[in-house]
Protein backbone atom coordinates (compact mmCIF):
# COMPACT_ATOMS: atom_id res chain seq x y z
CA MET A 1 -8.19 -26.25 -5.20
CA LEU A 2 -6.59 -23.28 -3.26
CA TYR A 3 -5.61 -20.24 -5.78
CA LYS A 4 -3.38 -17.48 -4.35
CA ILE A 5 -4.86 -14.41 -6.62
CA PRO A 6 -3.95 -10.98 -6.55
CA LEU A 7 -6.90 -8.31 -6.09
CA ILE A 8 -6.79 -4.96 -6.70
CA LEU A 9 -10.33 -3.12 -4.89
CA SER A 10 -11.36 0.20 -6.67
CA PRO A 11 -13.90 2.33 -4.92
CA GLN A 12 -16.80 3.26 -7.09
CA PRO A 13 -17.81 6.92 -7.05
CA GLU A 14 -21.75 6.04 -6.49
CA GLY A 15 -20.30 3.50 -4.33
CA GLY A 16 -19.17 -0.24 -3.37
CA PHE A 17 -16.06 -1.37 -4.84
CA THR A 18 -14.98 -3.51 -8.18
CA VAL A 19 -12.23 -6.31 -7.53
CA THR A 20 -9.95 -7.35 -10.75
CA SER A 21 -6.83 -9.32 -10.59
CA PRO A 22 -3.32 -8.08 -12.36
CA VAL A 23 -3.01 -11.64 -13.55
CA LEU A 24 -6.50 -12.45 -13.99
CA PRO A 25 -7.86 -9.85 -16.21
CA GLU A 26 -11.07 -11.76 -17.03
CA LEU A 27 -11.80 -11.84 -13.13
CA VAL A 28 -14.48 -8.66 -12.28
CA THR A 29 -16.57 -8.43 -9.99
CA GLU A 30 -18.34 -6.24 -7.64
CA GLY A 31 -20.12 -5.64 -4.22
CA ASP A 32 -21.62 -2.56 -1.71
CA THR A 33 -18.67 -3.35 0.43
CA VAL A 34 -15.91 -4.44 1.03
CA ALA A 35 -16.60 -7.61 1.99
CA GLU A 36 -19.19 -8.89 0.21
CA ALA A 37 -16.94 -7.61 -3.05
CA LEU A 38 -14.32 -10.39 -1.49
CA ALA A 39 -16.76 -12.56 -1.17
CA ASN A 40 -17.82 -12.62 -4.81
CA VAL A 41 -14.39 -13.10 -5.84
CA GLN A 42 -15.16 -16.96 -5.40
CA ASP A 43 -18.10 -17.00 -7.57
CA ALA A 44 -16.12 -15.35 -9.83
CA LEU A 45 -13.00 -16.95 -9.57
CA ALA A 46 -14.75 -20.56 -10.13
CA ALA A 47 -15.96 -18.93 -13.56
CA VAL A 48 -12.47 -17.52 -14.94
CA VAL A 49 -11.22 -21.34 -13.51
CA GLU A 50 -13.76 -22.85 -15.89
CA SER A 51 -12.98 -20.96 -18.53
CA TYR A 52 -9.76 -21.61 -18.90
CA GLU A 53 -10.35 -24.92 -18.40
CA ASP A 54 -12.67 -25.11 -21.92
CA LEU A 55 -10.59 -23.13 -23.39
CA GLY A 56 -7.57 -25.51 -22.71
CA ARG A 57 -5.26 -22.53 -21.46
CA PRO A 58 -3.21 -23.13 -18.35
CA LEU A 59 -3.78 -20.46 -15.52
CA PRO A 60 -0.33 -17.95 -14.93
CA PRO A 61 2.24 -19.73 -12.35
CA ASN A 62 2.07 -19.83 -9.01
CA THR A 63 -1.71 -19.00 -8.77
CA GLN A 64 -2.47 -22.74 -7.68
CA LEU A 65 -1.95 -23.82 -4.13
CA SER A 66 -0.52 -27.48 -4.55
CA ASP A 67 1.90 -27.45 -1.04
CA LEU A 68 -0.81 -27.25 1.84
CA THR A 69 1.67 -28.01 4.48
CA GLY A 70 3.88 -25.00 4.55
CA PRO A 71 2.71 -21.85 5.72
CA VAL A 72 1.30 -18.98 2.70
CA TRP A 73 1.46 -15.47 2.83
CA LEU A 74 -1.69 -13.70 2.09
CA GLU A 75 -2.48 -10.07 2.85
CA THR A 76 -6.00 -9.05 3.19
CA VAL A 77 -8.05 -6.49 3.49
CA VAL A 78 -9.70 -6.19 7.53
CA ILE A 79 -11.75 -3.63 9.12
CA ALA A 80 -11.17 -2.72 13.22
CA SER A 81 -14.21 -1.24 14.52
């Protein structure tokens, strides 16, 4: 299943980034770099989805992508050298 989740990357004073989501407050992860933090989102999201399923709670509306035949709006962080 594909999900579309807004993410907030917050730089930490000691270095690295914390990632949270305004629509899934249970989603919290981190990484030393932006790339690592975003890579860790996949595991964090899987844990949140499993938790919602265990509790019988639906995910917030429009977080699951069911129609994969059309375009998907995606904003991401890109580091250019």
